Amino acid sequence: MKQKRLAELRTLISSDDFSQWWKDLGEARNALADAEAHYEELLGQSTLMEFRAELTQKNAIDTLYRAGEHEDTAANMLFEATELENRSFKGVGDFEEQRIRASESWYRLGAAEKQLDEAKEAKRPADVIAALERAWRFSSDEYEKENARKARLWDEVERQWARSSEVSLLLSEQKALGKKVRRHAEEQFGLAEERKLKSRGLKTETENAAKAVEAAKAKVSALMEQARERFGCAAGTDFLFFRHRDDQRLAWSLSLVNDRDGYNIELKALALYQVDLKRGVGFLEPARQAPVSAEDGDRRFEEYFLKGRKGELRVS
């Protein structure tokens, strides 16, 4: 780091060599900013696409499970429908047997009623009529029982047919839903694969963008190294530093950025500032031609911590 006077620095800054370096640095920094913005954009897209691919894959699996649930429900309903069909066949057979028994009891009731009527017309003895009446009541009770049982069997058959119709309709719906949901799952699996391919493509682009960022950083670093060799300075990030020829306690700092809030005073690019070697850029002052005494430097440094950037007194 070479010793320089303020006038020498101003001459250096206005030179063609420095102007060309400054132009190259600006272009390199702009290229780095663009490369970083492009990388961040691609990284966000890649991360989002990867997440969407994983989410779509998970949804496809969940949808496939739902298709399986519909298919399982359909299988259970098919089993129930088969059971109902078998029971209805048996019920119709039981009903037919009971119908025959009810018809036979009806015939016996008719015969008993006819015998009773004939006995009354013939004015048969009272004990004979009483016996025939008992036979008629027995036949009547028997018929009522057999007929009621026939009606119950028929109600059961109709109930089974009604349930069978219901199950058949629900079964067909569950089968349709199973196919529909499975088709939707297959579409989601396809979409997940598409997004995986896009994610891999974006990841490759992101890796290339990261390499471009590193290349841009390397170019900026190379220019900063060139500044150190060409201009005899220490190259930081926001500043170039030069030793003060007339005061060993001080150094010159050349700002490479515009910064309103990062330091104790507002920085302007290519503006010169002076700093104490011990305090460094923690306390910057505009460059002065005449050296500052230690007492004045300490006083200004202390005032900075007692007053704000606008000169307002700080209350502790």
Protein backbone atom coordinates (compact mmCIF):
# COMPACT_ATOMS: atom_id res chain seq x y z
CA MET A 1 0.00 0.00 0.00
CA LYS A 2 1.75 3.15 -1.25
CA GLN A 3 1.83 6.53 0.44
CA LYS A 4 -0.01 9.24 -1.43
CA ARG A 5 -1.07 12.82 -1.02
CA LEU A 6 -4.64 13.91 -1.67
CA ALA A 7 -3.69 15.67 -4.88
CA GLU A 8 -2.00 12.53 -6.15
CA LEU A 9 -5.13 10.50 -5.48
CA ARG A 10 -7.32 12.99 -7.31
CA THR A 11 -4.94 12.83 -10.26
CA LEU A 12 -5.06 9.03 -10.14
CA ILE A 13 -8.87 8.97 -10.09
CA SER A 14 -9.04 11.24 -13.14
CA SER A 15 -6.50 9.19 -15.11
CA ASP A 16 -7.51 7.11 -18.14
CA ASP A 17 -6.09 3.98 -16.55
CA PHE A 18 -8.26 4.34 -13.47
CA SER A 19 -11.31 5.38 -15.52
CA GLN A 20 -10.98 2.23 -17.62
CA TRP A 21 -10.60 0.10 -14.47
CA TRP A 22 -13.60 1.78 -12.91
CA LYS A 23 -15.66 1.16 -16.04
CA ASP A 24 -14.60 -2.50 -16.07
CA LEU A 25 -15.45 -2.83 -12.38
CA GLY A 26 -18.88 -1.30 -12.91
CA GLU A 27 -19.60 -3.68 -15.77
CA ALA A 28 -18.33 -6.63 -13.75
CA ARG A 29 -20.45 -5.67 -10.75
CA ASN A 30 -23.53 -5.20 -12.91
CA ALA A 31 -22.88 -8.58 -14.50
CA LEU A 32 -22.52 -10.10 -11.04
CA ALA A 33 -25.78 -8.50 -9.87
CA ASP A 34 -27.58 -9.80 -12.97
CA ALA A 35 -26.04 -13.26 -12.53
CA GLU A 36 -27.07 -13.37 -8.86
CA ALA A 37 -30.60 -12.19 -9.68
CA HIS A 38 -30.88 -14.82 -12.42
CA TYR A 39 -29.53 -17.50 -10.09
CA GLU A 40 -31.97 -16.55 -7.30
CA GLU A 41 -34.86 -16.58 -9.76
CA LEU A 42 -33.90 -20.00 -11.11
CA LEU A 43 -33.28 -21.32 -7.60
CA GLY A 44 -36.75 -20.19 -6.55
CA GLN A 45 -38.33 -21.75 -9.65
CA SER A 46 -36.36 -24.97 -9.21
CA THR A 47 -37.25 -25.26 -5.52
CA LEU A 48 -40.90 -24.51 -6.22
CA MET A 49 -41.09 -26.97 -9.11
CA GLU A 50 -39.42 -29.68 -7.04
CA PHE A 51 -41.89 -29.05 -4.22
CA ARG A 52 -44.84 -29.09 -6.65
CA ALA A 53 -43.58 -32.36 -8.17
CA GLU A 54 -43.34 -33.97 -4.74
CA LEU A 55 -46.74 -32.63 -3.72
CA THR A 56 -48.35 -33.86 -6.95
CA GLN A 57 -46.73 -37.28 -6.44
CA LYS A 58 -48.11 -37.43 -2.89
CA ASN A 59 -51.57 -36.36 -4.07
CA ALA A 60 -51.44 -39.01 -6.82
CA ILE A 61 -50.66 -41.71 -4.24
CA ASP A 62 -53.47 -40.47 -1.97
CA THR A 63 -55.84 -40.42 -4.94
CA LEU A 64 -54.82 -43.96 -5.84
CA TYR A 65 -55.64 -45.04 -2.29
CA ARG A 66 -59.07 -43.42 -2.66
CA ALA A 67 -59.62 -45.34 -5.90
CA GLY A 68 -58.75 -48.52 -4.01
CA GLU A 69 -61.26 -47.61 -1.31
CA HIS A 70 -64.01 -47.24 -3.92
CA GLU A 71 -63.02 -50.56 -5.45
CA ASP A 72 -63.02 -52.26 -2.03
CA THR A 73 -66.45 -50.80 -1.31
CA ALA A 74 -67.68 -52.08 -4.67
CA ALA A 75 -66.28 -55.55 -3.88
CA ASN A 76 -68.09 -55.59 -0.51
CA MET A 77 -71.29 -54.46 -2.18
CA LEU A 78 -70.94 -57.17 -4.80
CA PHE A 79 -70.64 -59.72 -2.00
CA GLU A 80 -73.76 -58.27 -0.35
CA ALA A 81 -75.62 -58.25 -3.66
CA THR A 82 -74.77 -61.92 -4.19
CA GLU A 83 -75.96 -62.76 -0.68
CA LEU A 84 -79.20 -60.85 -1.25
CA GLU A 85 -79.79 -62.63 -4.55
CA ASN A 86 -79.30 -66.04 -2.94
CA ARG A 87 -81.52 -65.13 0.00
CA SER A 88 -84.22 -63.75 -2.30
CA PHE A 89 -84.24 -67.00 -4.31
CA LYS A 90 -84.62 -68.95 -1.09
CA GLY A 91 -87.26 -66.49 0.09
CA VAL A 92 -89.28 -66.92 -3.10
CA GLY A 93 -89.07 -70.71 -2.66
CA ASP A 94 -90.20 -70.46 0.98
CA PHE A 95 -93.01 -68.14 -0.05
CA GLU A 96 -94.17 -70.54 -2.75
CA GLU A 97 -94.26 -73.44 -0.27
CA GLN A 98 -96.15 -71.30 2.21
CA ARG A 99 -98.57 -70.17 -0.50
CA ILE A 100 -99.40 -73.82 -1.18
CA ARG A 101 -99.93 -74.48 2.55
CA ALA A 102 -102.13 -71.38 2.82
CA SER A 103 -104.15 -72.51 -0.22
CA GLU A 104 -104.62 -75.97 1.29
CA SER A 105 -105.80 -74.45 4.56
CA TRP A 106 -108.16 -72.26 2.55
CA TYR A 107 -109.62 -75.34 0.87
CA ARG A 108 -110.06 -77.05 4.27
CA LEU A 109 -111.72 -73.91 5.62
CA GLY A 110 -114.08 -73.90 2.65
CA ALA A 111 -114.94 -77.56 3.14
CA ALA A 112 -115.55 -77.04 6.88
CA GLU A 113 -117.77 -74.04 6.17
CA LYS A 114 -119.76 -76.04 3.59
CA GLN A 115 -120.25 -78.94 5.99
CA LEU A 116 -121.43 -76.55 8.68
CA ASP A 117 -123.90 -74.85 6.36
CA GLU A 118 -125.27 -78.20 5.15
CA ALA A 119 -125.67 -79.44 8.73
CA LYS A 120 -127.58 -76.30 9.67
CA GLU A 121 -129.84 -76.63 6.62
CA ALA A 122 -130.48 -80.29 7.47
CA LYS A 123 -131.14 -79.32 11.09
CA ARG A 124 -128.76 -81.89 12.39
CA PRO A 125 -128.41 -82.40 16.14
CA ALA A 126 -126.92 -79.55 18.16
CA ASP A 127 -123.87 -81.55 19.25
CA VAL A 128 -123.06 -82.33 15.61
CA ILE A 129 -123.38 -78.65 14.62
CA ALA A 130 -121.25 -77.64 17.61
CA ALA A 131 -118.53 -80.10 16.53
CA LEU A 132 -118.69 -78.78 12.97
CA GLU A 133 -118.43 -75.18 14.25
CA ARG A 134 -115.33 -76.11 16.26
CA ALA A 135 -113.83 -77.67 13.15
CA TRP A 136 -114.67 -74.54 11.14
CA ARG A 137 -113.05 -72.22 13.74
CA PHE A 138 -109.95 -74.42 13.86
CA SER A 139 -109.70 -74.31 10.03
CA SER A 140 -110.27 -70.55 10.09
CA ASP A 141 -107.53 -69.97 12.69
CA GLU A 142 -105.21 -72.27 10.77
CA TYR A 143 -105.85 -70.35 7.54
CA GLU A 144 -105.24 -66.98 9.22
CA LYS A 145 -101.93 -68.19 10.58
CA GLU A 146 -100.78 -69.70 7.30
CA ASN A 147 -101.90 -66.66 5.31
CA ALA A 148 -100.19 -64.24 7.73
CA ARG A 149 -96.97 -66.23 7.47
CA LYS A 150 -97.29 -66.14 3.67
CA ALA A 151 -97.65 -62.32 3.81
CA ARG A 152 -94.59 -62.00 6.06
CA LEU A 153 -92.52 -64.14 3.71
CA TRP A 154 -93.61 -62.03 0.75
CA ASP A 155 -92.76 -58.78 2.62
CA GLU A 156 -89.31 -60.21 3.32
CA VAL A 157 -88.85 -61.10 -0.33
CA GLU A 158 -89.84 -57.59 -1.40
CA ARG A 159 -87.53 -56.08 1.22
CA GLN A 160 -84.64 -58.14 -0.12
CA TRP A 161 -85.48 -57.13 -3.69
CA ALA A 162 -85.59 -53.46 -2.68
CA ARG A 163 -82.23 -53.72 -0.91
CA SER A 164 -80.82 -55.67 -3.84
CA SER A 165 -81.88 -52.86 -6.21
CA GLU A 166 -80.32 -50.27 -3.91
CA VAL A 167 -77.06 -52.18 -3.59
CA SER A 168 -76.95 -52.74 -7.34
CA LEU A 169 -77.23 -49.00 -8.01
CA LEU A 170 -74.67 -48.10 -5.36
CA LEU A 171 -72.37 -50.84 -6.61
CA SER A 172 -72.41 -49.45 -10.14
CA GLU A 173 -71.66 -45.97 -8.77
CA GLN A 174 -68.72 -47.21 -6.68
CA LYS A 175 -67.30 -49.00 -9.73
CA ALA A 176 -67.63 -45.82 -11.80
CA LEU A 177 -66.05 -43.75 -9.03
CA GLY A 178 -63.19 -46.22 -8.73
CA LYS A 179 -62.44 -45.90 -12.45
CA LYS A 180 -62.84 -42.13 -12.36
CA VAL A 181 -60.57 -41.63 -9.35
CA ARG A 182 -57.97 -44.11 -10.66
CA ARG A 183 -57.90 -42.24 -13.98
CA HIS A 184 -57.40 -38.99 -12.05
CA ALA A 185 -54.55 -40.62 -10.09
CA GLU A 186 -52.89 -41.68 -13.34
CA GLU A 187 -53.18 -38.11 -14.63
CA GLN A 188 -51.59 -36.83 -11.43
CA PHE A 189 -48.75 -39.36 -11.73
CA GLY A 190 -48.18 -38.12 -15.29
CA LEU A 191 -48.20 -34.50 -14.13
CA ALA A 192 -45.77 -35.35 -11.33
CA GLU A 193 -43.38 -36.88 -13.88
CA GLU A 194 -43.64 -33.78 -16.08
CA ARG A 195 -42.84 -31.57 -13.10
CA LYS A 196 -39.92 -33.81 -12.12
CA LEU A 197 -38.50 -33.41 -15.63
CA LYS A 198 -38.97 -29.63 -15.42
CA SER A 199 -37.39 -29.65 -11.97
CA ARG A 200 -34.35 -31.51 -13.26
CA GLY A 201 -34.07 -29.08 -16.17
CA LEU A 202 -34.35 -26.09 -13.84
CA LYS A 203 -31.81 -27.65 -11.49
CA THR A 204 -29.34 -27.92 -14.37
CA GLU A 205 -30.01 -24.29 -15.32
CA THR A 206 -29.59 -23.29 -11.67
CA GLU A 207 -26.24 -25.08 -11.46
CA ASN A 208 -25.10 -23.29 -14.61
CA ALA A 209 -26.32 -19.99 -13.17
CA ALA A 210 -24.39 -20.68 -9.97
CA LYS A 211 -21.26 -21.22 -12.05
CA ALA A 212 -21.96 -17.93 -13.83
CA VAL A 213 -22.21 -16.21 -10.44
CA GLU A 214 -18.88 -17.67 -9.37
CA ALA A 215 -17.31 -16.58 -12.66
CA ALA A 216 -18.70 -13.05 -12.18
CA LYS A 217 -17.41 -12.96 -8.61
CA ALA A 218 -14.00 -14.12 -9.83
CA LYS A 219 -13.94 -11.30 -12.39
CA VAL A 220 -14.77 -8.71 -9.72
CA SER A 221 -12.11 -10.21 -7.44
CA ALA A 222 -9.60 -10.12 -10.30
CA LEU A 223 -10.31 -6.45 -10.93
CA MET A 224 -9.90 -5.69 -7.23
CA GLU A 225 -6.56 -7.55 -7.32
CA GLN A 226 -5.59 -5.52 -10.39
CA ALA A 227 -6.39 -2.34 -8.48
CA ARG A 228 -4.04 -3.42 -5.70
CA GLU A 229 -1.20 -4.01 -8.16
CA ARG A 230 -1.86 -1.14 -10.58
CA PHE A 231 -2.70 1.62 -8.07
CA GLY A 232 -0.67 0.56 -5.05
CA CYS A 233 -3.60 0.25 -2.67
CA ALA A 234 -5.30 -2.19 -0.37
CA ALA A 235 -8.49 -3.42 -2.03
CA GLY A 236 -11.47 -4.13 0.19
CA THR A 237 -15.09 -4.53 -0.90
CA ASP A 238 -16.49 -1.01 -0.60
CA PHE A 239 -13.17 0.86 -0.53
CA LEU A 240 -9.68 1.19 -1.90
CA PHE A 241 -7.23 2.22 0.83
CA PHE A 242 -4.05 4.32 0.47
CA ARG A 243 -1.51 5.33 3.07
CA HIS A 244 -1.38 9.01 4.00
CA ARG A 245 1.97 10.50 2.96
CA ASP A 246 1.95 13.34 5.50
CA ASP A 247 0.43 11.67 8.56
CA GLN A 248 1.26 8.07 9.49
CA ARG A 249 -1.79 7.90 11.71
CA LEU A 250 -4.18 8.34 8.78
CA ALA A 251 -5.13 6.64 5.55
CA TRP A 252 -7.17 7.58 2.52
CA SER A 253 -10.23 5.55 1.58
CA LEU A 254 -11.76 5.75 -1.87
CA SER A 255 -15.42 4.76 -1.83
CA LEU A 256 -16.50 2.33 -4.52
CA VAL A 257 -20.18 2.48 -3.61
CA ASN A 258 -23.05 4.81 -2.90
CA ASP A 259 -24.29 4.13 0.62
CA ARG A 260 -26.64 6.27 2.69
CA ASP A 261 -26.93 4.19 5.85
CA GLY A 262 -24.07 1.72 6.14
CA TYR A 263 -21.48 4.06 7.62
CA ASN A 264 -21.30 7.10 9.88
CA ILE A 265 -21.64 9.44 6.90
CA GLU A 266 -23.28 9.09 3.52
CA LEU A 267 -20.90 7.65 0.94
CA LYS A 268 -20.65 8.63 -2.69
CA ALA A 269 -18.85 6.49 -5.23
CA LEU A 270 -15.34 7.78 -6.13
CA ALA A 271 -15.41 10.21 -3.21
CA LEU A 272 -12.31 10.36 -1.01
CA TYR A 273 -12.42 10.03 2.76
CA GLN A 274 -9.81 9.91 5.46
CA VAL A 275 -9.75 7.45 8.33
CA ASP A 276 -7.71 6.87 11.44
CA LEU A 277 -5.67 3.69 11.12
CA LYS A 278 -6.92 2.42 14.46
CA ARG A 279 -10.58 3.28 13.94
CA GLY A 280 -10.71 2.43 10.25
CA VAL A 281 -14.00 2.85 8.37
CA GLY A 282 -15.87 2.82 11.67
CA PHE A 283 -15.41 6.59 11.56
CA LEU A 284 -15.07 8.22 8.13
CA GLU A 285 -14.40 11.88 7.43
CA PRO A 286 -14.25 13.79 4.15
CA ALA A 287 -10.70 13.94 2.85
CA ARG A 288 -8.76 17.08 4.01
CA GLN A 289 -5.59 18.49 2.62
CA ALA A 290 -4.13 19.47 6.04
CA PRO A 291 -3.50 16.76 8.63
CA VAL A 292 -5.73 16.72 11.70
CA SER A 293 -4.28 16.87 15.20
CA ALA A 294 -4.82 13.96 17.56
CA GLU A 295 -6.87 16.16 19.87
CA ASP A 296 -9.19 17.34 17.07
CA GLY A 297 -9.55 13.80 15.79
CA ASP A 298 -10.51 12.46 19.19
CA ARG A 299 -12.96 15.32 19.71
CA ARG A 300 -14.73 14.73 16.39
CA PHE A 301 -14.81 10.99 17.00
CA GLU A 302 -16.43 11.48 20.42
CA GLU A 303 -18.95 13.99 19.01
CA TYR A 304 -20.06 11.37 16.51
CA PHE A 305 -21.15 9.06 19.34
CA LEU A 306 -22.85 11.96 21.18
CA LYS A 307 -24.64 13.35 18.12
CA GLY A 308 -26.59 11.69 15.33
CA ARG A 309 -25.84 11.79 11.62
CA LYS A 310 -27.91 14.99 11.35
CA GLY A 311 -26.08 16.61 14.28
CA GLU A 312 -28.85 15.94 16.81
CA LEU A 313 -27.76 15.21 20.37
CA ARG A 314 -28.29 11.57 21.35
CA VAL A 315 -30.06 11.00 24.68
CA SER A 316 -28.79 7.98 26.59
